[in-house]
Amino acid sequence: MFFSHLAASAHSFLRPASGSYRLFSTTTAVEAGYKMKSHSGAKKRWRSLASGTSFKRPKAGHSHLNVTKSPARKNRLGNTAISTPTQTHKLKKLLLPYGTH
């Protein structure tokens, strides 16, 4: 009995007195004081291709300790890596709030 009274009073102060609800915000992100942020790690590592359909990045492991690596491996590490469709989907979410790079 006591809890039902609390539940009823909790809903009454959450609702506006006029009975109308705003279904969307009329303020911009700047007025609200916050913005979505691009993922800084992805921003530093990936660049979008001109088509905008995928991303590219340089491969890691090519800068030091190269004596023990075979020439074929060093050539592969010098190539550019292209994102897979799954990575592209995730990178668009991380990088596209305000731009691709």
PDB file of N, CA and C in Angstrom:
ATOM      1  N   MET A   1       0.821  -1.181   0.000  1.00  0.00           N
ATOM      2  CA  MET A   1       0.000   0.000   0.000  1.00  0.00           C
ATOM      3  C   MET A   1       0.867   1.248   0.000  1.00  0.00           C
ATOM      4  N   PHE A   2       1.888   1.240   0.839  1.00  0.00           N
ATOM      5  CA  PHE A   2       2.783   2.384   0.901  1.00  0.00           C
ATOM      6  C   PHE A   2       3.558   2.546  -0.414  1.00  0.00           C
ATOM      7  N   PHE A   3       3.989   1.426  -0.991  1.00  0.00           N
ATOM      8  CA  PHE A   3       4.772   1.471  -2.218  1.00  0.00           C
ATOM      9  C   PHE A   3       3.934   1.923  -3.411  1.00  0.00           C
ATOM     10  N   SER A   4       2.671   1.559  -3.444  1.00  0.00           N
ATOM     11  CA  SER A   4       1.824   1.996  -4.549  1.00  0.00           C
ATOM     12  C   SER A   4       1.641   3.511  -4.521  1.00  0.00           C
ATOM     13  N   HIS A   5       1.605   4.093  -3.329  1.00  0.00           N
ATOM     14  CA  HIS A   5       1.495   5.551  -3.214  1.00  0.00           C
ATOM     15  C   HIS A   5       2.768   6.223  -3.745  1.00  0.00           C
ATOM     16  N   LEU A   6       3.945   5.635  -3.455  1.00  0.00           N
ATOM     17  CA  LEU A   6       5.201   6.186  -3.955  1.00  0.00           C
ATOM     18  C   LEU A   6       5.279   6.095  -5.470  1.00  0.00           C
ATOM     19  N   ALA A   7       4.845   4.984  -6.021  1.00  0.00           N
ATOM     20  CA  ALA A   7       4.884   4.804  -7.468  1.00  0.00           C
ATOM     21  C   ALA A   7       3.980   5.801  -8.162  1.00  0.00           C
ATOM     22  N   ALA A   8       2.825   6.055  -7.604  1.00  0.00           N
ATOM     23  CA  ALA A   8       1.907   7.021  -8.207  1.00  0.00           C
ATOM     24  C   ALA A   8       2.469   8.428  -8.120  1.00  0.00           C
ATOM     25  N   SER A   9       3.106   8.776  -6.999  1.00  0.00           N
ATOM     26  CA  SER A   9       3.653  10.122  -6.870  1.00  0.00           C
ATOM     27  C   SER A   9       4.901  10.296  -7.724  1.00  0.00           C
ATOM     28  N   ALA A  10       5.672   9.227  -7.950  1.00  0.00           N
ATOM     29  CA  ALA A  10       6.879   9.319  -8.767  1.00  0.00           C
ATOM     30  C   ALA A  10       6.531   9.645 -10.213  1.00  0.00           C
ATOM     31  N   HIS A  11       5.442   9.063 -10.719  1.00  0.00           N
ATOM     32  CA  HIS A  11       5.049   9.327 -12.099  1.00  0.00           C
ATOM     33  C   HIS A  11       4.456  10.720 -12.260  1.00  0.00           C
ATOM     34  N   SER A  12       3.875  11.255 -11.221  1.00  0.00           N
ATOM     35  CA  SER A  12       3.216  12.546 -11.360  1.00  0.00           C
ATOM     36  C   SER A  12       4.215  13.687 -11.543  1.00  0.00           C
ATOM     37  N   PHE A  13       5.380  13.622 -10.905  1.00  0.00           N
ATOM     38  CA  PHE A  13       6.325  14.723 -11.083  1.00  0.00           C
ATOM     39  C   PHE A  13       7.206  14.539 -12.315  1.00  0.00           C
ATOM     40  N   LEU A  14       7.208  13.363 -12.930  1.00  0.00           N
ATOM     41  CA  LEU A  14       7.962  13.168 -14.158  1.00  0.00           C
ATOM     42  C   LEU A  14       7.211  13.682 -15.380  1.00  0.00           C
ATOM     43  N   ARG A  15       5.897  13.704 -15.289  1.00  0.00           N
ATOM     44  CA  ARG A  15       5.093  14.161 -16.419  1.00  0.00           C
ATOM     45  C   ARG A  15       4.888  15.661 -16.351  1.00  0.00           C
ATOM     46  N   PRO A  16       4.852  16.348 -17.500  1.00  0.00           N
ATOM     47  CA  PRO A  16       4.539  17.766 -17.475  1.00  0.00           C
ATOM     48  C   PRO A  16       3.089  17.980 -17.066  1.00  0.00           C
ATOM     49  N   ALA A  17       2.827  19.128 -16.464  1.00  0.00           N
ATOM     50  CA  ALA A  17       1.491  19.409 -15.945  1.00  0.00           C
ATOM     51  C   ALA A  17       0.461  19.520 -17.060  1.00  0.00           C
ATOM     52  N   SER A  18       0.883  20.000 -18.227  1.00  0.00           N
ATOM     53  CA  SER A  18      -0.078  20.205 -19.299  1.00  0.00           C
ATOM     54  C   SER A  18      -0.508  18.894 -19.953  1.00  0.00           C
ATOM     55  N   GLY A  19       0.224  17.827 -19.748  1.00  0.00           N
ATOM     56  CA  GLY A  19      -0.141  16.554 -20.333  1.00  0.00           C
ATOM     57  C   GLY A  19       0.458  16.327 -21.708  1.00  0.00           C
ATOM     58  N   SER A  20       1.227  17.283 -22.235  1.00  0.00           N
ATOM     59  CA  SER A  20       1.842  17.105 -23.550  1.00  0.00           C
ATOM     60  C   SER A  20       3.278  16.627 -23.378  1.00  0.00           C
ATOM     61  N   TYR A  21       3.699  15.772 -24.296  1.00  0.00           N
ATOM     62  CA  TYR A  21       5.052  15.229 -24.264  1.00  0.00           C
ATOM     63  C   TYR A  21       5.816  15.687 -25.490  1.00  0.00           C
ATOM     64  N   ARG A  22       7.102  15.976 -25.298  1.00  0.00           N
ATOM     65  CA  ARG A  22       7.963  16.253 -26.445  1.00  0.00           C
ATOM     66  C   ARG A  22       8.541  14.930 -26.904  1.00  0.00           C
ATOM     67  N   LEU A  23       8.345  14.602 -28.168  1.00  0.00           N
ATOM     68  CA  LEU A  23       8.833  13.329 -28.689  1.00  0.00           C
ATOM     69  C   LEU A  23      10.249  13.427 -29.224  1.00  0.00           C
ATOM     70  N   PHE A  24      10.768  14.625 -29.430  1.00  0.00           N
ATOM     71  CA  PHE A  24      12.125  14.800 -29.920  1.00  0.00           C
ATOM     72  C   PHE A  24      12.680  16.081 -29.327  1.00  0.00           C
ATOM     73  N   SER A  25      13.987  16.199 -29.345  1.00  0.00           N
ATOM     74  CA  SER A  25      14.648  17.375 -28.797  1.00  0.00           C
ATOM     75  C   SER A  25      14.699  18.476 -29.842  1.00  0.00           C
ATOM     76  N   THR A  26      14.472  19.686 -29.415  1.00  0.00           N
ATOM     77  CA  THR A  26      14.542  20.818 -30.333  1.00  0.00           C
ATOM     78  C   THR A  26      15.876  21.543 -30.245  1.00  0.00           C
ATOM     79  N   THR A  27      16.756  21.114 -29.341  1.00  0.00           N
ATOM     80  CA  THR A  27      18.050  21.757 -29.203  1.00  0.00           C
ATOM     81  C   THR A  27      19.086  21.042 -30.053  1.00  0.00           C
ATOM     82  N   THR A  28      20.077  21.800 -30.521  1.00  0.00           N
ATOM     83  CA  THR A  28      21.175  21.193 -31.268  1.00  0.00           C
ATOM     84  C   THR A  28      22.198  20.632 -30.288  1.00  0.00           C
ATOM     85  N   ALA A  29      23.169  19.907 -30.811  1.00  0.00           N
ATOM     86  CA  ALA A  29      24.199  19.309 -29.959  1.00  0.00           C
ATOM     87  C   ALA A  29      25.025  20.378 -29.257  1.00  0.00           C
ATOM     88  N   VAL A  30      25.283  21.483 -29.940  1.00  0.00           N
ATOM     89  CA  VAL A  30      26.081  22.553 -29.344  1.00  0.00           C
ATOM     90  C   VAL A  30      25.308  23.211 -28.205  1.00  0.00           C
ATOM     91  N   GLU A  31      24.015  23.436 -28.396  1.00  0.00           N
ATOM     92  CA  GLU A  31      23.203  24.044 -27.346  1.00  0.00           C
ATOM     93  C   GLU A  31      23.061  23.124 -26.147  1.00  0.00           C
ATOM     94  N   ALA A  32      22.971  21.823 -26.414  1.00  0.00           N
ATOM     95  CA  ALA A  32      22.826  20.863 -25.322  1.00  0.00           C
ATOM     96  C   ALA A  32      24.115  20.718 -24.528  1.00  0.00           C
ATOM     97  N   GLY A  33      25.260  21.050 -25.130  1.00  0.00           N
ATOM     98  CA  GLY A  33      26.529  21.014 -24.413  1.00  0.00           C
ATOM     99  C   GLY A  33      27.316  19.741 -24.599  1.00  0.00           C
ATOM    100  N   TYR A  34      26.933  18.880 -25.518  1.00  0.00           N
ATOM    101  CA  TYR A  34      27.696  17.664 -25.766  1.00  0.00           C
ATOM    102  C   TYR A  34      27.659  17.338 -27.247  1.00  0.00           C
ATOM    103  N   LYS A  35      28.626  16.557 -27.671  1.00  0.00           N
ATOM    104  CA  LYS A  35      28.704  16.110 -29.060  1.00  0.00           C
ATOM    105  C   LYS A  35      29.090  14.639 -29.070  1.00  0.00           C
ATOM    106  N   MET A  36      28.743  13.968 -30.154  1.00  0.00           N
ATOM    107  CA  MET A  36      29.266  12.618 -30.341  1.00  0.00           C
ATOM    108  C   MET A  36      30.747  12.739 -30.663  1.00  0.00           C
ATOM    109  N   LYS A  37      31.520  11.771 -30.230  1.00  0.00           N
ATOM    110  CA  LYS A  37      32.964  11.842 -30.463  1.00  0.00           C
ATOM    111  C   LYS A  37      33.412  10.705 -31.356  1.00  0.00           C
ATOM    112  N   SER A  38      34.281  11.038 -32.309  1.00  0.00           N
ATOM    113  CA  SER A  38      34.908  10.007 -33.134  1.00  0.00           C
ATOM    114  C   SER A  38      35.908   9.243 -32.279  1.00  0.00           C
ATOM    115  N   HIS A  39      36.099   7.987 -32.580  1.00  0.00           N
ATOM    116  CA  HIS A  39      37.042   7.156 -31.834  1.00  0.00           C
ATOM    117  C   HIS A  39      38.456   7.568 -32.214  1.00  0.00           C
ATOM    118  N   SER A  40      39.225   8.084 -31.248  1.00  0.00           N
ATOM    119  CA  SER A  40      40.523   8.669 -31.571  1.00  0.00           C
ATOM    120  C   SER A  40      41.529   7.617 -32.037  1.00  0.00           C
ATOM    121  N   GLY A  41      41.445   6.391 -31.517  1.00  0.00           N
ATOM    122  CA  GLY A  41      42.359   5.343 -31.962  1.00  0.00           C
ATOM    123  C   GLY A  41      42.107   4.947 -33.402  1.00  0.00           C
ATOM    124  N   ALA A  42      40.844   4.813 -33.765  1.00  0.00           N
ATOM    125  CA  ALA A  42      40.495   4.474 -35.147  1.00  0.00           C
ATOM    126  C   ALA A  42      40.815   5.638 -36.080  1.00  0.00           C
ATOM    127  N   LYS A  43      40.652   6.837 -35.580  1.00  0.00           N
ATOM    128  CA  LYS A  43      40.932   8.027 -36.379  1.00  0.00           C
ATOM    129  C   LYS A  43      42.411   8.104 -36.761  1.00  0.00           C
ATOM    130  N   LYS A  44      43.285   7.665 -35.861  1.00  0.00           N
ATOM    131  CA  LYS A  44      44.718   7.713 -36.125  1.00  0.00           C
ATOM    132  C   LYS A  44      45.185   6.581 -37.036  1.00  0.00           C
ATOM    133  N   ARG A  45      44.458   5.468 -37.061  1.00  0.00           N
ATOM    134  CA  ARG A  45      44.923   4.288 -37.776  1.00  0.00           C
ATOM    135  C   ARG A  45      44.301   4.101 -39.149  1.00  0.00           C
ATOM    136  N   TRP A  46      43.056   4.505 -39.337  1.00  0.00           N
ATOM    137  CA  TRP A  46      42.326   4.193 -40.563  1.00  0.00           C
ATOM    138  C   TRP A  46      42.058   5.453 -41.372  1.00  0.00           C
ATOM    139  N   ARG A  47      42.026   5.300 -42.699  1.00  0.00           N
ATOM    140  CA  ARG A  47      41.635   6.370 -43.626  1.00  0.00           C
ATOM    141  C   ARG A  47      40.594   5.789 -44.569  1.00  0.00           C
ATOM    142  N   SER A  48      39.620   6.593 -44.928  1.00  0.00           N
ATOM    143  CA  SER A  48      38.594   6.080 -45.840  1.00  0.00           C
ATOM    144  C   SER A  48      39.097   6.150 -47.273  1.00  0.00           C
ATOM    145  N   LEU A  49      38.653   5.221 -48.083  1.00  0.00           N
ATOM    146  CA  LEU A  49      38.959   5.246 -49.507  1.00  0.00           C
ATOM    147  C   LEU A  49      38.088   6.292 -50.188  1.00  0.00           C
ATOM    148  N   ALA A  50      38.464   6.681 -51.381  1.00  0.00           N
ATOM    149  CA  ALA A  50      37.740   7.734 -52.091  1.00  0.00           C
ATOM    150  C   ALA A  50      36.291   7.342 -52.368  1.00  0.00           C
ATOM    151  N   SER A  51      36.054   6.051 -52.571  1.00  0.00           N
ATOM    152  CA  SER A  51      34.685   5.597 -52.831  1.00  0.00           C
ATOM    153  C   SER A  51      33.814   5.676 -51.582  1.00  0.00           C
ATOM    154  N   GLY A  52      34.434   5.662 -50.392  1.00  0.00           N
ATOM    155  CA  GLY A  52      33.692   5.708 -49.148  1.00  0.00           C
ATOM    156  C   GLY A  52      33.114   4.372 -48.726  1.00  0.00           C
ATOM    157  N   THR A  53      33.429   3.313 -49.488  1.00  0.00           N
ATOM    158  CA  THR A  53      32.855   2.010 -49.180  1.00  0.00           C
ATOM    159  C   THR A  53      33.720   1.189 -48.240  1.00  0.00           C
ATOM    160  N   SER A  54      34.995   1.517 -48.091  1.00  0.00           N
ATOM    161  CA  SER A  54      35.865   0.784 -47.172  1.00  0.00           C
ATOM    162  C   SER A  54      36.984   1.696 -46.695  1.00  0.00           C
ATOM    163  N   PHE A  55      37.845   1.151 -45.842  1.00  0.00           N
ATOM    164  CA  PHE A  55      38.924   1.910 -45.221  1.00  0.00           C
ATOM    165  C   PHE A  55      40.248   1.197 -45.461  1.00  0.00           C
ATOM    166  N   LYS A  56      41.348   1.937 -45.316  1.00  0.00           N
ATOM    167  CA  LYS A  56      42.671   1.348 -45.470  1.00  0.00           C
ATOM    168  C   LYS A  56      43.545   1.770 -44.301  1.00  0.00           C
ATOM    169  N   ARG A  57      44.582   0.975 -44.050  1.00  0.00           N
ATOM    170  CA  ARG A  57      45.548   1.282 -43.001  1.00  0.00           C
ATOM    171  C   ARG A  57      46.877   0.642 -43.365  1.00  0.00           C
ATOM    172  N   PRO A  58      47.985   1.180 -42.851  1.00  0.00           N
ATOM    173  CA  PRO A  58      49.269   0.495 -43.056  1.00  0.00           C
ATOM    174  C   PRO A  58      49.385  -0.681 -42.090  1.00  0.00           C
ATOM    175  N   LYS A  59      50.145  -1.682 -42.480  1.00  0.00           N
ATOM    176  CA  LYS A  59      50.347  -2.850 -41.622  1.00  0.00           C
ATOM    177  C   LYS A  59      51.444  -2.574 -40.610  1.00  0.00           C
ATOM    178  N   ALA A  60      51.288  -3.137 -39.434  1.00  0.00           N
ATOM    179  CA  ALA A  60      52.256  -2.952 -38.358  1.00  0.00           C
ATOM    180  C   ALA A  60      53.366  -4.001 -38.459  1.00  0.00           C
ATOM    181  N   GLY A  61      54.468  -3.765 -37.761  1.00  0.00           N
ATOM    182  CA  GLY A  61      55.535  -4.751 -37.664  1.00  0.00           C
ATOM    183  C   GLY A  61      56.596  -4.643 -38.742  1.00  0.00           C
ATOM    184  N   HIS A  62      56.706  -3.481 -39.368  1.00  0.00           N
ATOM    185  CA  HIS A  62      57.658  -3.333 -40.467  1.00  0.00           C
ATOM    186  C   HIS A  62      58.799  -2.384 -40.122  1.00  0.00           C
ATOM    187  N   SER A  63      58.832  -1.872 -38.884  1.00  0.00           N
ATOM    188  CA  SER A  63      59.793  -0.811 -38.580  1.00  0.00           C
ATOM    189  C   SER A  63      61.070  -1.292 -37.887  1.00  0.00           C
ATOM    190  N   HIS A  64      61.018  -2.387 -37.127  1.00  0.00           N
ATOM    191  CA  HIS A  64      62.241  -2.845 -36.453  1.00  0.00           C
ATOM    192  C   HIS A  64      62.197  -4.354 -36.287  1.00  0.00           C
ATOM    193  N   LEU A  65      63.318  -4.923 -35.854  1.00  0.00           N
ATOM    194  CA  LEU A  65      63.504  -6.374 -35.722  1.00  0.00           C
ATOM    195  C   LEU A  65      63.259  -7.082 -37.056  1.00  0.00           C
ATOM    196  N   ASN A  66      63.777  -6.494 -38.120  1.00  0.00           N
ATOM    197  CA  ASN A  66      63.523  -7.034 -39.451  1.00  0.00           C
ATOM    198  C   ASN A  66      64.549  -8.079 -39.885  1.00  0.00           C
ATOM    199  N   VAL A  67      65.614  -8.283 -39.114  1.00  0.00           N
ATOM    200  CA  VAL A  67      66.661  -9.220 -39.516  1.00  0.00           C
ATOM    201  C   VAL A  67      66.119 -10.644 -39.543  1.00  0.00           C
ATOM    202  N   THR A  68      65.255 -10.959 -38.588  1.00  0.00           N
ATOM    203  CA  THR A  68      64.733 -12.316 -38.496  1.00  0.00           C
ATOM    204  C   THR A  68      63.554 -12.575 -39.430  1.00  0.00           C
ATOM    205  N   LYS A  69      63.073 -11.540 -40.096  1.00  0.00           N
ATOM    206  CA  LYS A  69      61.903 -11.703 -40.974  1.00  0.00           C
ATOM    207  C   LYS A  69      62.358 -11.985 -42.399  1.00  0.00           C
ATOM    208  N   SER A  70      61.626 -12.833 -43.063  1.00  0.00           N
ATOM    209  CA  SER A  70      61.975 -13.174 -44.443  1.00  0.00           C
ATOM    210  C   SER A  70      61.643 -11.994 -45.364  1.00  0.00           C
ATOM    211  N   PRO A  71      62.304 -11.902 -46.511  1.00  0.00           N
ATOM    212  CA  PRO A  71      61.995 -10.823 -47.457  1.00  0.00           C
ATOM    213  C   PRO A  71      60.528 -10.837 -47.907  1.00  0.00           C
ATOM    214  N   ALA A  72      59.963 -12.004 -48.080  1.00  0.00           N
ATOM    215  CA  ALA A  72      58.549 -12.074 -48.481  1.00  0.00           C
ATOM    216  C   ALA A  72      57.644 -11.504 -47.397  1.00  0.00           C
ATOM    217  N   ARG A  73      57.971 -11.799 -46.151  1.00  0.00           N
ATOM    218  CA  ARG A  73      57.167 -11.269 -45.035  1.00  0.00           C
ATOM    219  C   ARG A  73      57.285  -9.758 -44.954  1.00  0.00           C
ATOM    220  N   LYS A  74      58.510  -9.231 -45.147  1.00  0.00           N
ATOM    221  CA  LYS A  74      58.702  -7.779 -45.112  1.00  0.00           C
ATOM    222  C   LYS A  74      57.964  -7.097 -46.256  1.00  0.00           C
ATOM    223  N   ASN A  75      57.917  -7.747 -47.414  1.00  0.00           N
ATOM    224  CA  ASN A  75      57.146  -7.190 -48.533  1.00  0.00           C
ATOM    225  C   ASN A  75      55.654  -7.163 -48.208  1.00  0.00           C
ATOM    226  N   ARG A  76      55.154  -8.224 -47.595  1.00  0.00           N
ATOM    227  CA  ARG A  76      53.735  -8.260 -47.211  1.00  0.00           C
ATOM    228  C   ARG A  76      53.413  -7.180 -46.193  1.00  0.00           C
ATOM    229  N   LEU A  77      54.334  -6.951 -45.249  1.00  0.00           N
ATOM    230  CA  LEU A  77      54.097  -5.935 -44.231  1.00  0.00           C
ATOM    231  C   LEU A  77      54.149  -4.518 -44.807  1.00  0.00           C
ATOM    232  N   GLY A  78      54.753  -4.377 -45.954  1.00  0.00           N
ATOM    233  CA  GLY A  78      54.800  -3.064 -46.589  1.00  0.00           C
ATOM    234  C   GLY A  78      53.535  -2.714 -47.350  1.00  0.00           C
ATOM    235  N   ASN A  79      52.655  -3.701 -47.557  1.00  0.00           N
ATOM    236  CA  ASN A  79      51.419  -3.456 -48.293  1.00  0.00           C
ATOM    237  C   ASN A  79      50.375  -2.763 -47.419  1.00  0.00           C
ATOM    238  N   THR A  80      49.345  -2.263 -48.064  1.00  0.00           N
ATOM    239  CA  THR A  80      48.241  -1.616 -47.368  1.00  0.00           C
ATOM    240  C   THR A  80      47.165  -2.645 -47.060  1.00  0.00           C
ATOM    241  N   ALA A  81      46.616  -2.573 -45.851  1.00  0.00           N
ATOM    242  CA  ALA A  81      45.522  -3.458 -45.463  1.00  0.00           C
ATOM    243  C   ALA A  81      44.198  -2.759 -45.731  1.00  0.00           C
ATOM    244  N   ILE A  82      43.256  -3.482 -46.325  1.00  0.00           N
ATOM    245  CA  ILE A  82      41.921  -2.970 -46.616  1.00  0.00           C
ATOM    246  C   ILE A  82      40.954  -3.594 -45.615  1.00  0.00           C
ATOM    247  N   SER A  83      39.990  -2.829 -45.162  1.00  0.00           N
ATOM    248  CA  SER A  83      39.042  -3.332 -44.172  1.00  0.00           C
ATOM    249  C   SER A  83      38.090  -4.360 -44.777  1.00  0.00           C
ATOM    250  N   THR A  84      37.696  -5.325 -43.954  1.00  0.00           N
ATOM    251  CA  THR A  84      36.695  -6.305 -44.350  1.00  0.00           C
ATOM    252  C   THR A  84      35.311  -5.653 -44.234  1.00  0.00           C
ATOM    253  N   PRO A  85      34.267  -6.250 -44.802  1.00  0.00           N
ATOM    254  CA  PRO A  85      32.929  -5.661 -44.658  1.00  0.00           C
ATOM    255  C   PRO A  85      32.484  -5.487 -43.200  1.00  0.00           C
ATOM    256  N   THR A  86      32.858  -6.433 -42.333  1.00  0.00           N
ATOM    257  CA  THR A  86      32.507  -6.309 -40.915  1.00  0.00           C
ATOM    258  C   THR A  86      33.242  -5.145 -40.275  1.00  0.00           C
ATOM    259  N   GLN A  87      34.535  -5.014 -40.587  1.00  0.00           N
ATOM    260  CA  GLN A  87      35.301  -3.894 -40.049  1.00  0.00           C
ATOM    261  C   GLN A  87      34.762  -2.572 -40.578  1.00  0.00           C
ATOM    262  N   THR A  88      34.386  -2.537 -41.845  1.00  0.00           N
ATOM    263  CA  THR A  88      33.863  -1.308 -42.441  1.00  0.00           C
ATOM    264  C   THR A  88      32.603  -0.863 -41.727  1.00  0.00           C
ATOM    265  N   HIS A  89      31.727  -1.793 -41.413  1.00  0.00           N
ATOM    266  CA  HIS A  89      30.490  -1.461 -40.705  1.00  0.00           C
ATOM    267  C   HIS A  89      30.803  -0.849 -39.338  1.00  0.00           C
ATOM    268  N   LYS A  90      31.751  -1.446 -38.608  1.00  0.00           N
ATOM    269  CA  LYS A  90      32.125  -0.928 -37.288  1.00  0.00           C
ATOM    270  C   LYS A  90      32.846   0.411 -37.390  1.00  0.00           C
ATOM    271  N   LEU A  91      33.727   0.553 -38.391  1.00  0.00           N
ATOM    272  CA  LEU A  91      34.478   1.799 -38.541  1.00  0.00           C
ATOM    273  C   LEU A  91      33.578   2.963 -38.916  1.00  0.00           C
ATOM    274  N   LYS A  92      32.540   2.707 -39.674  1.00  0.00           N
ATOM    275  CA  LYS A  92      31.608   3.788 -40.009  1.00  0.00           C
ATOM    276  C   LYS A  92      30.920   4.311 -38.759  1.00  0.00           C
ATOM    277  N   LYS A  93      30.625   3.425 -37.827  1.00  0.00           N
ATOM    278  CA  LYS A  93      30.025   3.857 -36.568  1.00  0.00           C
ATOM    279  C   LYS A  93      31.024   4.661 -35.717  1.00  0.00           C
ATOM    280  N   LEU A  94      32.294   4.230 -35.741  1.00  0.00           N
ATOM    281  CA  LEU A  94      33.302   4.891 -34.920  1.00  0.00           C
ATOM    282  C   LEU A  94      33.753   6.231 -35.497  1.00  0.00           C
ATOM    283  N   LEU A  95      33.829   6.317 -36.815  1.00  0.00           N
ATOM    284  CA  LEU A  95      34.454   7.476 -37.437  1.00  0.00           C
ATOM    285  C   LEU A  95      33.485   8.467 -38.074  1.00  0.00           C
ATOM    286  N   LEU A  96      32.250   8.080 -38.283  1.00  0.00           N
ATOM    287  CA  LEU A  96      31.373   8.937 -39.063  1.00  0.00           C
ATOM    288  C   LEU A  96      30.410   9.828 -38.294  1.00  0.00           C
ATOM    289  N   PRO A  97      30.569  10.057 -36.991  1.00  0.00           N
ATOM    290  CA  PRO A  97      29.689  11.060 -36.413  1.00  0.00           C
ATOM    291  C   PRO A  97      29.894  12.420 -37.074  1.00  0.00           C
ATOM    292  N   TYR A  98      31.144  12.786 -37.366  1.00  0.00           N
ATOM    293  CA  TYR A  98      31.419  14.096 -37.945  1.00  0.00           C
ATOM    294  C   TYR A  98      32.356  14.064 -39.119  1.00  0.00           C
ATOM    295  N   GLY A  99      32.857  12.907 -39.534  1.00  0.00           N
ATOM    296  CA  GLY A  99      33.746  12.846 -40.669  1.00  0.00           C
ATOM    297  C   GLY A  99      34.433  11.510 -40.752  1.00  0.00           C
ATOM    298  N   THR A 100      35.132  11.293 -41.840  1.00  0.00           N
ATOM    299  CA  THR A 100      35.768  10.003 -42.041  1.00  0.00           C
ATOM    300  C   THR A 100      37.189   9.981 -41.528  1.00  0.00           C
ATOM    301  N   HIS A 101      37.874  11.118 -41.463  1.00  0.00           N
ATOM    302  CA  HIS A 101      39.223  11.166 -40.909  1.00  0.00           C
ATOM    303  C   HIS A 101      39.627  12.562 -40.529  1.00  0.00           C
TER     304      HIS A 101
END
